[in-house]
């Protein structure tokens, strides 16, 4: 458990380094390489699914084994804390609280100073929707949705899999999540080729997403937000999200902050409606970005405390 706490501290202080040698970047390059090798647009849907499944297995196998090999090599470090420090640095690459907070704070600052054009540009870096016509409320909504949802796959899920299987399993999760973000789309190209990646990501996030929702309720209580409404909105609205897991964070945050998430989004000029989550007791505003960041950090600390308590109870 010292490794997870140290990884969180490393991420908080140093953040996620922007380098082409970042493990997640390398995983992404591996996925792209294998996609070029395995994807054939002329193949049948069944063949595309099988090829995509092979890609998934190769990426998972290589990612897990490389992480395990690096840990094995750390055993030869001659000083006492060497192994734990290496493991913590590796684990820190799989989580991103500081990156989420930095992005959110940057957009908040732009909205407060009235720089709407730059805020639209920056929020476009963290969401997939069109942002060139968003007003300040819609920019705040998009940012809160992203921070809330990414609390699951950017923080709690990798820490969850670390808790049950160590650093290699955390990296296996990060590989699965990266595959989903790259090929797990329901479009003509990836509907079948990326289906295994999308389904795997749904399965892996199932428990962490629901646990994150409950932790957001606890965080709301600790921070003085509406914990009762957070729980109510999670139970009422979480399943409205198009993802089987994304709503458990978003609906709960919406309830806690008395805002409404979801609504009309535009993708490549085409407008789509996503079911509402929460009630618009307050208009979504820049302040809600900062409140969501506070909740995100509180959820992270609560999860670390929870895992520590469980391990102590089990005698580890």
C-alpha atoms as a PDB file:
ATOM      1  CA  UNK A   1       0.000   0.000   0.000  1.00  0.00           C
ATOM      2  CA  UNK A   2       2.982   2.298   0.476  1.00  0.00           C
ATOM      3  CA  UNK A   3       3.470   2.025  -3.291  1.00  0.00           C
ATOM      4  CA  UNK A   4      -0.013   3.398  -4.084  1.00  0.00           C
ATOM      5  CA  UNK A   5       0.353   6.297  -1.665  1.00  0.00           C
ATOM      6  CA  UNK A   6       3.817   7.129  -3.011  1.00  0.00           C
ATOM      7  CA  UNK A   7       2.501   6.941  -6.599  1.00  0.00           C
ATOM      8  CA  UNK A   8      -0.234   9.430  -5.706  1.00  0.00           C
ATOM      9  CA  UNK A   9       2.339  11.746  -4.119  1.00  0.00           C
ATOM     10  CA  UNK A  10       4.596  11.468  -7.188  1.00  0.00           C
ATOM     11  CA  UNK A  11       1.695  12.311  -9.494  1.00  0.00           C
ATOM     12  CA  UNK A  12       0.651  15.245  -7.295  1.00  0.00           C
ATOM     13  CA  UNK A  13       4.147  16.728  -7.250  1.00  0.00           C
ATOM     14  CA  UNK A  14       5.483  15.838 -10.697  1.00  0.00           C
ATOM     15  CA  UNK A  15       2.362  15.112 -12.721  1.00  0.00           C
ATOM     16  CA  UNK A  16       2.204  13.162 -15.953  1.00  0.00           C
ATOM     17  CA  UNK A  17       5.352  13.876 -17.993  1.00  0.00           C
ATOM     18  CA  UNK A  18       4.740  14.737 -21.650  1.00  0.00           C
ATOM     19  CA  UNK A  19       7.206  12.530 -23.464  1.00  0.00           C
ATOM     20  CA  UNK A  20       7.121  10.081 -26.346  1.00  0.00           C
ATOM     21  CA  UNK A  21       8.571   7.511 -23.945  1.00  0.00           C
ATOM     22  CA  UNK A  22       5.605   7.675 -21.561  1.00  0.00           C
ATOM     23  CA  UNK A  23       4.316   4.091 -21.090  1.00  0.00           C
ATOM     24  CA  UNK A  24       0.796   4.996 -22.209  1.00  0.00           C
ATOM     25  CA  UNK A  25       2.193   6.670 -25.338  1.00  0.00           C
ATOM     26  CA  UNK A  26       4.211   3.525 -26.060  1.00  0.00           C
ATOM     27  CA  UNK A  27       1.108   1.384 -25.559  1.00  0.00           C
ATOM     28  CA  UNK A  28      -0.736   3.635 -27.999  1.00  0.00           C
ATOM     29  CA  UNK A  29       2.028   3.240 -30.583  1.00  0.00           C
ATOM     30  CA  UNK A  30       1.854  -0.547 -30.174  1.00  0.00           C
ATOM     31  CA  UNK A  31      -1.913  -0.473 -30.720  1.00  0.00           C
ATOM     32  CA  UNK A  32      -1.508   1.654 -33.863  1.00  0.00           C
ATOM     33  CA  UNK A  33       1.176  -0.689 -35.202  1.00  0.00           C
ATOM     34  CA  UNK A  34      -0.949  -3.778 -34.646  1.00  0.00           C
ATOM     35  CA  UNK A  35      -4.013  -2.063 -36.097  1.00  0.00           C
ATOM     36  CA  UNK A  36      -2.146  -1.400 -39.335  1.00  0.00           C
ATOM     37  CA  UNK A  37      -1.162  -5.060 -39.449  1.00  0.00           C
ATOM     38  CA  UNK A  38      -4.506  -6.652 -38.505  1.00  0.00           C
ATOM     39  CA  UNK A  39      -7.227  -4.308 -39.782  1.00  0.00           C
ATOM     40  CA  UNK A  40      -8.482  -5.115 -43.264  1.00  0.00           C
ATOM     41  CA  UNK A  41     -11.557  -3.121 -44.375  1.00  0.00           C
ATOM     42  CA  UNK A  42     -12.519  -5.736 -46.974  1.00  0.00           C
ATOM     43  CA  UNK A  43     -12.843  -8.545 -44.405  1.00  0.00           C
ATOM     44  CA  UNK A  44     -16.144  -9.835 -43.041  1.00  0.00           C
ATOM     45  CA  UNK A  45     -17.523  -8.504 -39.753  1.00  0.00           C
ATOM     46  CA  UNK A  46     -16.730 -11.806 -38.057  1.00  0.00           C
ATOM     47  CA  UNK A  47     -13.144 -11.689 -39.302  1.00  0.00           C
ATOM     48  CA  UNK A  48     -12.774  -8.104 -38.137  1.00  0.00           C
ATOM     49  CA  UNK A  49     -13.957  -9.090 -34.667  1.00  0.00           C
ATOM     50  CA  UNK A  50     -11.476 -11.972 -34.522  1.00  0.00           C
ATOM     51  CA  UNK A  51      -8.612  -9.745 -35.721  1.00  0.00           C
ATOM     52  CA  UNK A  52      -9.512  -7.098 -33.167  1.00  0.00           C
ATOM     53  CA  UNK A  53      -9.632  -9.724 -30.427  1.00  0.00           C
ATOM     54  CA  UNK A  54      -6.143 -10.931 -31.378  1.00  0.00           C
ATOM     55  CA  UNK A  55      -4.891  -7.341 -31.169  1.00  0.00           C
ATOM     56  CA  UNK A  56      -6.382  -7.039 -27.673  1.00  0.00           C
ATOM     57  CA  UNK A  57      -4.717 -10.243 -26.471  1.00  0.00           C
ATOM     58  CA  UNK A  58      -1.304  -9.250 -27.856  1.00  0.00           C
ATOM     59  CA  UNK A  59      -1.422  -5.777 -26.277  1.00  0.00           C
ATOM     60  CA  UNK A  60      -2.532  -7.144 -22.896  1.00  0.00           C
ATOM     61  CA  UNK A  61       0.100  -9.879 -22.917  1.00  0.00           C
ATOM     62  CA  UNK A  62       2.990  -7.583 -23.870  1.00  0.00           C
ATOM     63  CA  UNK A  63       1.973  -4.786 -21.502  1.00  0.00           C
ATOM     64  CA  UNK A  64       1.608  -7.095 -18.511  1.00  0.00           C
ATOM     65  CA  UNK A  65       4.872  -8.906 -19.215  1.00  0.00           C
ATOM     66  CA  UNK A  66       6.921  -5.740 -19.736  1.00  0.00           C
ATOM     67  CA  UNK A  67       5.616  -4.241 -16.471  1.00  0.00           C
ATOM     68  CA  UNK A  68       6.350  -7.502 -14.640  1.00  0.00           C
ATOM     69  CA  UNK A  69       9.860  -7.626 -16.158  1.00  0.00           C
ATOM     70  CA  UNK A  70      10.639  -4.079 -15.013  1.00  0.00           C
ATOM     71  CA  UNK A  71       9.526  -4.958 -11.495  1.00  0.00           C
ATOM     72  CA  UNK A  72      11.657  -8.092 -11.584  1.00  0.00           C
ATOM     73  CA  UNK A  73      14.719  -6.069 -12.583  1.00  0.00           C
ATOM     74  CA  UNK A  74      14.084  -3.670  -9.693  1.00  0.00           C
ATOM     75  CA  UNK A  75      14.786  -6.540  -7.273  1.00  0.00           C
ATOM     76  CA  UNK A  76      18.456  -6.119  -8.126  1.00  0.00           C
ATOM     77  CA  UNK A  77      18.543  -2.536  -6.839  1.00  0.00           C
ATOM     78  CA  UNK A  78      20.889  -2.736  -3.831  1.00  0.00           C
ATOM     79  CA  UNK A  79      19.093  -0.345  -1.484  1.00  0.00           C
ATOM     80  CA  UNK A  80      16.139  -1.074   0.752  1.00  0.00           C
ATOM     81  CA  UNK A  81      13.411   1.101  -0.786  1.00  0.00           C
ATOM     82  CA  UNK A  82      14.504   0.638  -4.392  1.00  0.00           C
ATOM     83  CA  UNK A  83      11.808  -1.838  -5.361  1.00  0.00           C
ATOM     84  CA  UNK A  84       8.965   0.211  -3.865  1.00  0.00           C
ATOM     85  CA  UNK A  85      10.171   3.448  -5.462  1.00  0.00           C
ATOM     86  CA  UNK A  86      10.388   1.818  -8.910  1.00  0.00           C
ATOM     87  CA  UNK A  87       6.928   0.295  -8.445  1.00  0.00           C
ATOM     88  CA  UNK A  88       5.529   3.669  -7.321  1.00  0.00           C
ATOM     89  CA  UNK A  89       6.996   5.483 -10.329  1.00  0.00           C
ATOM     90  CA  UNK A  90       5.554   2.858 -12.662  1.00  0.00           C
ATOM     91  CA  UNK A  91       2.139   3.034 -10.983  1.00  0.00           C
ATOM     92  CA  UNK A  92       2.157   6.841 -11.173  1.00  0.00           C
ATOM     93  CA  UNK A  93       2.159   6.549 -14.967  1.00  0.00           C
ATOM     94  CA  UNK A  94      -1.221   4.793 -14.820  1.00  0.00           C
ATOM     95  CA  UNK A  95      -3.055   7.482 -12.803  1.00  0.00           C
ATOM     96  CA  UNK A  96      -3.792  11.090 -13.715  1.00  0.00           C
ATOM     97  CA  UNK A  97      -5.336  13.185 -10.910  1.00  0.00           C
ATOM     98  CA  UNK A  98      -2.854  16.005 -11.414  1.00  0.00           C
ATOM     99  CA  UNK A  99      -3.460  16.108 -15.166  1.00  0.00           C
ATOM    100  CA  UNK A 100      -7.227  16.241 -14.655  1.00  0.00           C
ATOM    101  CA  UNK A 101      -6.890  18.977 -12.031  1.00  0.00           C
ATOM    102  CA  UNK A 102      -4.465  21.008 -14.159  1.00  0.00           C
ATOM    103  CA  UNK A 103      -6.738  20.872 -17.197  1.00  0.00           C
ATOM    104  CA  UNK A 104      -9.778  21.812 -15.128  1.00  0.00           C
ATOM    105  CA  UNK A 105      -8.040  24.689 -13.343  1.00  0.00           C
ATOM    106  CA  UNK A 106      -6.738  26.044 -16.633  1.00  0.00           C
ATOM    107  CA  UNK A 107     -10.223  26.137 -18.154  1.00  0.00           C
ATOM    108  CA  UNK A 108     -11.638  27.646 -14.945  1.00  0.00           C
ATOM    109  CA  UNK A 109      -9.066  30.453 -15.040  1.00  0.00           C
ATOM    110  CA  UNK A 110      -9.891  31.238 -18.677  1.00  0.00           C
ATOM    111  CA  UNK A 111     -13.618  31.356 -17.953  1.00  0.00           C
ATOM    112  CA  UNK A 112     -13.128  33.622 -14.941  1.00  0.00           C
ATOM    113  CA  UNK A 113     -11.055  36.063 -16.993  1.00  0.00           C
ATOM    114  CA  UNK A 114     -13.575  35.978 -19.836  1.00  0.00           C
ATOM    115  CA  UNK A 115     -11.268  34.410 -22.428  1.00  0.00           C
ATOM    116  CA  UNK A 116     -13.998  32.316 -23.996  1.00  0.00           C
ATOM    117  CA  UNK A 117     -12.131  31.630 -27.237  1.00  0.00           C
ATOM    118  CA  UNK A 118      -9.142  30.098 -25.444  1.00  0.00           C
ATOM    119  CA  UNK A 119     -11.436  28.207 -23.044  1.00  0.00           C
ATOM    120  CA  UNK A 120     -13.196  26.639 -26.039  1.00  0.00           C
ATOM    121  CA  UNK A 121      -9.826  25.631 -27.446  1.00  0.00           C
ATOM    122  CA  UNK A 122      -8.595  24.121 -24.161  1.00  0.00           C
ATOM    123  CA  UNK A 123     -11.769  22.181 -23.435  1.00  0.00           C
ATOM    124  CA  UNK A 124     -11.492  20.785 -26.957  1.00  0.00           C
ATOM    125  CA  UNK A 125      -8.285  19.078 -25.833  1.00  0.00           C
ATOM    126  CA  UNK A 126     -10.114  16.981 -23.214  1.00  0.00           C
ATOM    127  CA  UNK A 127     -13.479  16.241 -24.869  1.00  0.00           C
ATOM    128  CA  UNK A 128     -14.443  14.730 -28.208  1.00  0.00           C
ATOM    129  CA  UNK A 129     -17.349  17.067 -28.981  1.00  0.00           C
ATOM    130  CA  UNK A 130     -17.299  20.262 -31.059  1.00  0.00           C
ATOM    131  CA  UNK A 131     -16.387  23.191 -28.807  1.00  0.00           C
ATOM    132  CA  UNK A 132     -16.161  26.207 -31.127  1.00  0.00           C
ATOM    133  CA  UNK A 133     -19.672  27.486 -30.270  1.00  0.00           C
ATOM    134  CA  UNK A 134     -19.936  26.551 -26.576  1.00  0.00           C
ATOM    135  CA  UNK A 135     -20.876  29.244 -24.061  1.00  0.00           C
ATOM    136  CA  UNK A 136     -19.309  29.435 -20.594  1.00  0.00           C
ATOM    137  CA  UNK A 137     -21.970  27.201 -19.013  1.00  0.00           C
ATOM    138  CA  UNK A 138     -21.513  24.501 -21.660  1.00  0.00           C
ATOM    139  CA  UNK A 139     -17.731  24.681 -21.309  1.00  0.00           C
ATOM    140  CA  UNK A 140     -18.092  24.223 -17.547  1.00  0.00           C
ATOM    141  CA  UNK A 141     -20.469  21.285 -18.112  1.00  0.00           C
ATOM    142  CA  UNK A 142     -18.081  19.576 -20.512  1.00  0.00           C
ATOM    143  CA  UNK A 143     -15.191  20.025 -18.074  1.00  0.00           C
ATOM    144  CA  UNK A 144     -17.124  18.700 -15.060  1.00  0.00           C
ATOM    145  CA  UNK A 145     -18.337  15.691 -17.069  1.00  0.00           C
ATOM    146  CA  UNK A 146     -14.786  14.873 -18.150  1.00  0.00           C
ATOM    147  CA  UNK A 147     -13.258  15.194 -14.673  1.00  0.00           C
ATOM    148  CA  UNK A 148     -16.044  13.138 -13.101  1.00  0.00           C
ATOM    149  CA  UNK A 149     -15.965  10.323 -15.663  1.00  0.00           C
ATOM    150  CA  UNK A 150     -12.164  10.202 -15.788  1.00  0.00           C
ATOM    151  CA  UNK A 151     -12.007   9.840 -12.018  1.00  0.00           C
ATOM    152  CA  UNK A 152     -12.994   6.241 -12.753  1.00  0.00           C
ATOM    153  CA  UNK A 153     -10.671   5.244 -15.590  1.00  0.00           C
ATOM    154  CA  UNK A 154      -7.893   7.727 -14.800  1.00  0.00           C
ATOM    155  CA  UNK A 155      -7.601   7.093 -11.060  1.00  0.00           C
ATOM    156  CA  UNK A 156      -9.805   4.576  -9.266  1.00  0.00           C
ATOM    157  CA  UNK A 157      -9.721   1.736 -11.809  1.00  0.00           C
ATOM    158  CA  UNK A 158      -5.905   1.537 -12.105  1.00  0.00           C
ATOM    159  CA  UNK A 159      -5.568   1.784  -8.311  1.00  0.00           C
ATOM    160  CA  UNK A 160      -8.264  -0.891  -7.910  1.00  0.00           C
ATOM    161  CA  UNK A 161      -6.406  -3.319 -10.177  1.00  0.00           C
ATOM    162  CA  UNK A 162      -3.114  -2.472  -8.477  1.00  0.00           C
ATOM    163  CA  UNK A 163      -4.714  -3.361  -5.135  1.00  0.00           C
ATOM    164  CA  UNK A 164      -5.735  -6.822  -6.364  1.00  0.00           C
ATOM    165  CA  UNK A 165      -2.844  -7.637  -8.716  1.00  0.00           C
ATOM    166  CA  UNK A 166       0.023  -5.183  -8.351  1.00  0.00           C
ATOM    167  CA  UNK A 167       1.635  -2.896 -10.908  1.00  0.00           C
ATOM    168  CA  UNK A 168       1.399  -5.330 -13.874  1.00  0.00           C
ATOM    169  CA  UNK A 169      -2.379  -5.596 -13.489  1.00  0.00           C
ATOM    170  CA  UNK A 170      -2.682  -1.801 -13.229  1.00  0.00           C
ATOM    171  CA  UNK A 171      -0.783  -1.559 -16.526  1.00  0.00           C
ATOM    172  CA  UNK A 172      -2.976  -4.242 -18.059  1.00  0.00           C
ATOM    173  CA  UNK A 173      -5.999  -2.106 -17.159  1.00  0.00           C
ATOM    174  CA  UNK A 174      -4.355   1.013 -18.607  1.00  0.00           C
ATOM    175  CA  UNK A 175      -3.671  -0.887 -21.846  1.00  0.00           C
ATOM    176  CA  UNK A 176      -7.306  -2.019 -22.039  1.00  0.00           C
ATOM    177  CA  UNK A 177      -8.554   1.518 -21.443  1.00  0.00           C
ATOM    178  CA  UNK A 178      -6.175   2.921 -24.069  1.00  0.00           C
ATOM    179  CA  UNK A 179      -7.407   0.377 -26.611  1.00  0.00           C
ATOM    180  CA  UNK A 180     -10.986   1.400 -25.897  1.00  0.00           C
ATOM    181  CA  UNK A 181     -10.138   5.078 -26.411  1.00  0.00           C
ATOM    182  CA  UNK A 182      -8.403   4.320 -29.715  1.00  0.00           C
ATOM    183  CA  UNK A 183     -10.485   1.602 -31.374  1.00  0.00           C
ATOM    184  CA  UNK A 184     -13.568   1.110 -29.181  1.00  0.00           C
ATOM    185  CA  UNK A 185     -15.901   3.252 -31.289  1.00  0.00           C
ATOM    186  CA  UNK A 186     -19.309   2.336 -32.681  1.00  0.00           C
ATOM    187  CA  UNK A 187     -18.601   3.601 -36.166  1.00  0.00           C
ATOM    188  CA  UNK A 188     -18.249   1.838 -39.504  1.00  0.00           C
ATOM    189  CA  UNK A 189     -14.537   1.164 -39.110  1.00  0.00           C
ATOM    190  CA  UNK A 190     -14.410  -0.029 -35.513  1.00  0.00           C
ATOM    191  CA  UNK A 191     -17.882  -1.457 -34.811  1.00  0.00           C
ATOM    192  CA  UNK A 192     -16.570  -5.021 -35.100  1.00  0.00           C
ATOM    193  CA  UNK A 193     -12.797  -4.592 -35.081  1.00  0.00           C
ATOM    194  CA  UNK A 194     -12.914  -2.631 -31.804  1.00  0.00           C
ATOM    195  CA  UNK A 195     -15.766  -4.509 -30.152  1.00  0.00           C
ATOM    196  CA  UNK A 196     -13.560  -6.748 -27.989  1.00  0.00           C
ATOM    197  CA  UNK A 197     -11.631  -3.713 -26.735  1.00  0.00           C
ATOM    198  CA  UNK A 198     -14.844  -1.827 -25.907  1.00  0.00           C
ATOM    199  CA  UNK A 199     -16.429  -4.788 -24.110  1.00  0.00           C
ATOM    200  CA  UNK A 200     -13.254  -5.484 -22.122  1.00  0.00           C
ATOM    201  CA  UNK A 201     -13.129  -1.880 -20.937  1.00  0.00           C
ATOM    202  CA  UNK A 202     -16.791  -2.064 -19.864  1.00  0.00           C
ATOM    203  CA  UNK A 203     -16.150  -5.230 -17.865  1.00  0.00           C
ATOM    204  CA  UNK A 204     -12.999  -3.945 -16.173  1.00  0.00           C
ATOM    205  CA  UNK A 205     -14.633  -0.661 -15.141  1.00  0.00           C
ATOM    206  CA  UNK A 206     -17.848  -2.249 -13.837  1.00  0.00           C
ATOM    207  CA  UNK A 207     -16.890  -2.525 -10.167  1.00  0.00           C
ATOM    208  CA  UNK A 208     -14.592   0.548  -9.971  1.00  0.00           C
ATOM    209  CA  UNK A 209     -17.282   2.783 -11.519  1.00  0.00           C
ATOM    210  CA  UNK A 210     -19.887   1.843  -8.940  1.00  0.00           C
ATOM    211  CA  UNK A 211     -17.364   2.103  -6.135  1.00  0.00           C
ATOM    212  CA  UNK A 212     -16.392   5.559  -7.400  1.00  0.00           C
ATOM    213  CA  UNK A 213     -20.032   6.623  -7.310  1.00  0.00           C
ATOM    214  CA  UNK A 214     -20.284   5.653  -3.635  1.00  0.00           C
ATOM    215  CA  UNK A 215     -17.002   7.399  -2.877  1.00  0.00           C
ATOM    216  CA  UNK A 216     -18.325  10.566  -4.542  1.00  0.00           C
ATOM    217  CA  UNK A 217     -21.296  10.391  -2.162  1.00  0.00           C
ATOM    218  CA  UNK A 218     -18.889  10.144   0.795  1.00  0.00           C
ATOM    219  CA  UNK A 219     -16.777  12.971  -0.617  1.00  0.00           C
ATOM    220  CA  UNK A 220     -19.875  15.157  -0.994  1.00  0.00           C
ATOM    221  CA  UNK A 221     -20.682  14.603   2.670  1.00  0.00           C
ATOM    222  CA  UNK A 222     -17.142  15.452   3.802  1.00  0.00           C
ATOM    223  CA  UNK A 223     -16.960  18.595   1.637  1.00  0.00           C
ATOM    224  CA  UNK A 224     -20.361  19.960   2.609  1.00  0.00           C
ATOM    225  CA  UNK A 225     -22.136  19.245  -0.685  1.00  0.00           C
ATOM    226  CA  UNK A 226     -25.495  17.456  -0.983  1.00  0.00           C
ATOM    227  CA  UNK A 227     -24.629  13.810  -0.308  1.00  0.00           C
ATOM    228  CA  UNK A 228     -28.277  12.757  -0.122  1.00  0.00           C
ATOM    229  CA  UNK A 229     -29.041  14.206  -3.535  1.00  0.00           C
ATOM    230  CA  UNK A 230     -25.816  12.705  -4.897  1.00  0.00           C
ATOM    231  CA  UNK A 231     -26.965   9.229  -3.901  1.00  0.00           C
ATOM    232  CA  UNK A 232     -30.475   9.889  -5.210  1.00  0.00           C
ATOM    233  CA  UNK A 233     -29.226  11.056  -8.610  1.00  0.00           C
ATOM    234  CA  UNK A 234     -26.801   8.140  -8.869  1.00  0.00           C
ATOM    235  CA  UNK A 235     -29.630   5.679  -8.300  1.00  0.00           C
ATOM    236  CA  UNK A 236     -32.002   7.530 -10.617  1.00  0.00           C
ATOM    237  CA  UNK A 237     -29.807   8.658 -13.501  1.00  0.00           C
ATOM    238  CA  UNK A 238     -26.591   6.601 -13.679  1.00  0.00           C
ATOM    239  CA  UNK A 239     -28.040   4.060 -16.098  1.00  0.00           C
ATOM    240  CA  UNK A 240     -29.109   6.819 -18.513  1.00  0.00           C
ATOM    241  CA  UNK A 241     -25.507   7.336 -19.591  1.00  0.00           C
ATOM    242  CA  UNK A 242     -24.618   5.739 -22.953  1.00  0.00           C
ATOM    243  CA  UNK A 243     -21.710   3.993 -21.229  1.00  0.00           C
ATOM    244  CA  UNK A 244     -22.658   1.269 -18.736  1.00  0.00           C
ATOM    245  CA  UNK A 245     -20.197   2.798 -16.275  1.00  0.00           C
ATOM    246  CA  UNK A 246     -19.802   6.530 -16.979  1.00  0.00           C
ATOM    247  CA  UNK A 247     -23.031   7.606 -15.315  1.00  0.00           C
ATOM    248  CA  UNK A 248     -22.050   6.464 -11.837  1.00  0.00           C
ATOM    249  CA  UNK A 249     -19.552   9.300 -11.509  1.00  0.00           C
ATOM    250  CA  UNK A 250     -21.341  11.946 -13.559  1.00  0.00           C
ATOM    251  CA  UNK A 251     -24.831  11.528 -12.084  1.00  0.00           C
ATOM    252  CA  UNK A 252     -23.437  11.500  -8.538  1.00  0.00           C
ATOM    253  CA  UNK A 253     -21.375  14.648  -9.065  1.00  0.00           C
ATOM    254  CA  UNK A 254     -24.386  16.345 -10.673  1.00  0.00           C
ATOM    255  CA  UNK A 255     -26.507  15.518  -7.647  1.00  0.00           C
ATOM    256  CA  UNK A 256     -23.878  16.655  -5.162  1.00  0.00           C
ATOM    257  CA  UNK A 257     -23.357  20.022  -6.899  1.00  0.00           C
ATOM    258  CA  UNK A 258     -27.047  20.665  -7.737  1.00  0.00           C
ATOM    259  CA  UNK A 259     -26.357  20.878 -11.474  1.00  0.00           C
ATOM    260  CA  UNK A 260     -27.559  19.056 -14.557  1.00  0.00           C
ATOM    261  CA  UNK A 261     -25.143  17.213 -16.836  1.00  0.00           C
ATOM    262  CA  UNK A 262     -25.838  15.728 -20.239  1.00  0.00           C
ATOM    263  CA  UNK A 263     -27.843  17.439 -22.969  1.00  0.00           C
ATOM    264  CA  UNK A 264     -27.129  18.372 -26.572  1.00  0.00           C
ATOM    265  CA  UNK A 265     -23.604  17.802 -27.860  1.00  0.00           C
ATOM    266  CA  UNK A 266     -22.280  18.340 -31.365  1.00  0.00           C
ATOM    267  CA  UNK A 267     -19.872  15.908 -33.034  1.00  0.00           C
ATOM    268  CA  UNK A 268     -18.402  16.914 -36.399  1.00  0.00           C
ATOM    269  CA  UNK A 269     -21.311  19.300 -36.906  1.00  0.00           C
ATOM    270  CA  UNK A 270     -24.001  16.743 -36.063  1.00  0.00           C
ATOM    271  CA  UNK A 271     -26.047  17.384 -32.912  1.00  0.00           C
ATOM    272  CA  UNK A 272     -26.923  14.493 -30.612  1.00  0.00           C
ATOM    273  CA  UNK A 273     -28.813  14.410 -27.318  1.00  0.00           C
ATOM    274  CA  UNK A 274     -27.457  12.634 -24.252  1.00  0.00           C
ATOM    275  CA  UNK A 275     -29.874  11.969 -21.404  1.00  0.00           C
ATOM    276  CA  UNK A 276     -29.868  14.490 -18.594  1.00  0.00           C
ATOM    277  CA  UNK A 277     -28.376  13.542 -15.231  1.00  0.00           C
ATOM    278  CA  UNK A 278     -29.199  15.549 -12.122  1.00  0.00           C
ATOM    279  CA  UNK A 279     -31.496  18.534 -11.662  1.00  0.00           C
ATOM    280  CA  UNK A 280     -30.612  22.090 -12.723  1.00  0.00           C
ATOM    281  CA  UNK A 281     -31.053  23.575  -9.255  1.00  0.00           C
ATOM    282  CA  UNK A 282     -28.062  25.772 -10.117  1.00  0.00           C
ATOM    283  CA  UNK A 283     -26.870  26.835 -13.547  1.00  0.00           C
ATOM    284  CA  UNK A 284     -23.594  25.092 -14.361  1.00  0.00           C
ATOM    285  CA  UNK A 285     -20.817  27.625 -13.794  1.00  0.00           C
ATOM    286  CA  UNK A 286     -16.999  27.810 -13.558  1.00  0.00           C
ATOM    287  CA  UNK A 287     -17.112  27.333  -9.774  1.00  0.00           C
ATOM    288  CA  UNK A 288     -18.452  23.821 -10.305  1.00  0.00           C
ATOM    289  CA  UNK A 289     -15.213  22.868 -12.065  1.00  0.00           C
ATOM    290  CA  UNK A 290     -13.218  23.654  -8.928  1.00  0.00           C
ATOM    291  CA  UNK A 291     -15.763  21.877  -6.749  1.00  0.00           C
ATOM    292  CA  UNK A 292     -15.527  18.781  -8.949  1.00  0.00           C
ATOM    293  CA  UNK A 293     -11.722  18.841  -8.682  1.00  0.00           C
ATOM    294  CA  UNK A 294     -12.006  18.951  -4.878  1.00  0.00           C
ATOM    295  CA  UNK A 295     -14.343  15.967  -5.012  1.00  0.00           C
ATOM    296  CA  UNK A 296     -11.988  14.091  -7.341  1.00  0.00           C
ATOM    297  CA  UNK A 297      -9.027  14.480  -4.987  1.00  0.00           C
ATOM    298  CA  UNK A 298     -11.168  13.567  -1.968  1.00  0.00           C
ATOM    299  CA  UNK A 299     -12.389  10.400  -3.711  1.00  0.00           C
ATOM    300  CA  UNK A 300      -8.774   9.437  -4.463  1.00  0.00           C
ATOM    301  CA  UNK A 301      -7.703   9.837  -0.846  1.00  0.00           C
ATOM    302  CA  UNK A 302     -10.789   7.995   0.398  1.00  0.00           C
ATOM    303  CA  UNK A 303     -10.032   5.066  -1.910  1.00  0.00           C
ATOM    304  CA  UNK A 304      -6.428   4.879  -0.664  1.00  0.00           C
ATOM    305  CA  UNK A 305      -7.686   4.880   2.928  1.00  0.00           C
ATOM    306  CA  UNK A 306     -10.277   2.201   2.098  1.00  0.00           C
ATOM    307  CA  UNK A 307      -7.713  -0.100   0.491  1.00  0.00           C
ATOM    308  CA  UNK A 308      -5.298   0.424   3.377  1.00  0.00           C
ATOM    309  CA  UNK A 309      -8.035  -0.475   5.877  1.00  0.00           C
ATOM    310  CA  UNK A 310      -9.063  -3.595   3.914  1.00  0.00           C
ATOM    311  CA  UNK A 311      -5.469  -4.804   3.644  1.00  0.00           C
ATOM    312  CA  UNK A 312      -4.879  -4.221   7.339  1.00  0.00           C
ATOM    313  CA  UNK A 313      -8.052  -6.146   8.170  1.00  0.00           C
ATOM    314  CA  UNK A 314      -6.838  -9.018   5.983  1.00  0.00           C
ATOM    315  CA  UNK A 315      -3.484  -9.007   7.747  1.00  0.00           C
ATOM    316  CA  UNK A 316      -1.379  -7.760   4.808  1.00  0.00           C
END
